Amino acid sequence: MNKKEVLKLAKGFRGRAKNCIRIARERVEKALQYAYRDRRNKKRDMRSLWIQRINAGSRQHGVNYGNFVHGLMKENIQLNRKVLSELAMHEPYSFKALVDISKSSFPGNKKPTAPPKVGLQILV
């Protein structure tokens, strides 16, 4: 890169990094490295955020994230995590319907029932 391009990219930096070419070149190179790395990390961070939102929404209805997603897979409901998180935030009734479907399809999601009482049985 020539001097003009480097200083244009260094616009907004603090101190001599914005006008001294040697320092500006180093700072611009490092900034481009950070930008490259963080374009990949952004995808990771967003997926993590969606999972947290889905987990919070499903726990309100008594199911954790893993069991919720497993129940949806068994019912062949193919919604991605981004859509599920949007439903959890903005469409609580629709999301509750999905949680109910998930609960009914996966036995781990059902509420435990009391085992039958074993005692003396009188035969007549």
Protein backbone atom coordinates (compact mmCIF):
# COMPACT_ATOMS: atom_id res chain seq x y z
CA MET A 1 0.00 0.00 0.00
CA ASN A 2 1.21 3.47 -0.72
CA LYS A 3 1.38 6.31 1.75
CA LYS A 4 -1.92 7.87 0.68
CA GLU A 5 -3.89 4.63 1.13
CA VAL A 6 -2.31 3.90 4.53
CA LEU A 7 -3.06 7.35 5.89
CA LYS A 8 -6.61 7.13 4.56
CA LEU A 9 -7.12 3.85 6.43
CA ALA A 10 -5.48 5.31 9.54
CA LYS A 11 -7.97 8.16 9.70
CA GLY A 12 -9.48 8.27 13.17
CA PHE A 13 -6.52 6.63 14.93
CA ARG A 14 -5.04 8.36 17.98
CA GLY A 15 -1.69 10.09 18.29
CA ARG A 16 1.04 9.65 15.69
CA ALA A 17 -0.66 6.53 14.32
CA LYS A 18 -2.82 8.79 12.14
CA ASN A 19 -0.13 10.94 10.53
CA CYS A 20 3.31 9.32 10.91
CA ILE A 21 3.59 6.85 8.02
CA ARG A 22 5.78 4.24 9.74
CA ILE A 23 3.57 3.99 12.82
CA ALA A 24 0.38 4.33 10.75
CA ARG A 25 1.42 1.39 8.52
CA GLU A 26 1.92 -0.87 11.56
CA ARG A 27 -1.35 0.15 13.14
CA VAL A 28 -3.29 -0.26 9.87
CA GLU A 29 -1.84 -3.74 9.32
CA LYS A 30 -2.80 -4.76 12.85
CA ALA A 31 -6.28 -3.24 12.42
CA LEU A 32 -6.79 -5.27 9.23
CA GLN A 33 -5.71 -8.44 11.07
CA TYR A 34 -8.24 -7.74 13.82
CA ALA A 35 -10.97 -7.08 11.23
CA TYR A 36 -10.24 -10.38 9.45
CA ARG A 37 -10.28 -12.36 12.70
CA ASP A 38 -13.40 -10.70 14.07
CA ARG A 39 -15.45 -11.27 10.93
CA ARG A 40 -15.20 -14.96 11.81
CA ASN A 41 -15.70 -14.45 15.55
CA LYS A 42 -18.86 -12.42 14.90
CA LYS A 43 -20.58 -15.51 13.48
CA ARG A 44 -19.57 -17.50 16.57
CA ASP A 45 -20.77 -14.79 18.94
CA MET A 46 -24.15 -14.42 17.23
CA ARG A 47 -24.81 -18.17 17.33
CA SER A 48 -23.96 -18.16 21.04
CA LEU A 49 -26.37 -15.26 21.63
CA TRP A 50 -29.17 -17.04 19.76
CA ILE A 51 -28.66 -20.18 21.85
CA GLN A 52 -28.81 -18.16 25.07
CA ARG A 53 -32.09 -16.54 23.99
CA ILE A 54 -33.63 -19.88 23.00
CA ASN A 55 -32.52 -21.43 26.29
CA ALA A 56 -34.03 -18.56 28.29
CA GLY A 57 -37.31 -18.79 26.38
CA SER A 58 -37.61 -22.56 26.65
CA ARG A 59 -36.75 -22.62 30.37
CA GLN A 60 -39.71 -20.33 31.02
CA HIS A 61 -41.86 -23.24 29.86
CA GLY A 62 -39.96 -25.90 31.80
CA VAL A 63 -37.63 -27.32 29.14
CA ASN A 64 -33.91 -26.79 28.77
CA TYR A 65 -32.27 -25.93 25.44
CA GLY A 66 -30.88 -29.37 24.65
CA ASN A 67 -34.16 -31.20 25.21
CA PHE A 68 -36.07 -28.50 23.31
CA VAL A 69 -33.86 -28.77 20.23
CA HIS A 70 -33.89 -32.58 20.42
CA GLY A 71 -37.69 -32.60 20.52
CA LEU A 72 -37.84 -30.32 17.47
CA MET A 73 -35.46 -32.61 15.60
CA LYS A 74 -37.62 -35.65 16.40
CA GLU A 75 -40.68 -33.80 15.07
CA ASN A 76 -38.69 -32.78 11.96
CA ILE A 77 -39.21 -29.06 12.60
CA GLN A 78 -36.33 -27.40 10.77
CA LEU A 79 -36.04 -23.88 12.12
CA ASN A 80 -32.59 -22.42 12.54
CA ARG A 81 -31.39 -20.86 15.77
CA LYS A 82 -31.72 -17.31 14.49
CA VAL A 83 -35.42 -17.77 13.73
CA LEU A 84 -36.03 -19.61 17.01
CA SER A 85 -34.42 -16.78 18.99
CA GLU A 86 -36.53 -14.19 17.18
CA LEU A 87 -39.65 -16.21 17.98
CA ALA A 88 -38.60 -16.51 21.62
CA MET A 89 -38.20 -12.74 21.91
CA HIS A 90 -41.01 -11.33 19.75
CA GLU A 91 -43.61 -14.12 19.39
CA PRO A 92 -43.96 -15.79 22.81
CA TYR A 93 -47.21 -17.62 21.95
CA SER A 94 -45.75 -19.14 18.77
CA PHE A 95 -42.64 -20.13 20.69
CA LYS A 96 -44.77 -21.74 23.41
CA ALA A 97 -46.51 -23.81 20.74
CA LEU A 98 -43.11 -25.05 19.56
CA VAL A 99 -42.12 -25.88 23.15
CA ASP A 100 -45.35 -27.86 23.59
CA ILE A 101 -44.68 -29.81 20.38
CA SER A 102 -41.15 -30.50 21.57
CA LYS A 103 -42.40 -31.66 24.98
CA SER A 104 -44.89 -34.08 23.48
CA SER A 105 -42.39 -35.68 21.09
CA PHE A 106 -39.55 -36.29 23.52
CA PRO A 107 -40.18 -38.27 26.72
CA GLY A 108 -37.37 -36.45 28.53
CA ASN A 109 -39.36 -33.23 28.22
CA LYS A 110 -42.49 -34.52 29.94
CA LYS A 111 -43.13 -33.80 33.57
CA PRO A 112 -42.35 -36.81 35.75
CA THR A 113 -45.38 -38.62 37.07
CA ALA A 114 -45.57 -40.34 40.44
CA PRO A 115 -44.84 -44.07 40.24
CA PRO A 116 -47.74 -46.37 41.13
CA LYS A 117 -48.00 -47.14 44.83
CA VAL A 118 -46.95 -50.65 45.69
CA GLY A 119 -48.65 -52.04 48.76
CA LEU A 120 -50.91 -54.77 49.92
CA GLN A 121 -53.40 -55.78 47.35
CA ILE A 122 -56.52 -57.53 48.50
CA LEU A 123 -57.87 -60.01 46.03
CA VAL A 124 -61.57 -60.66 46.28
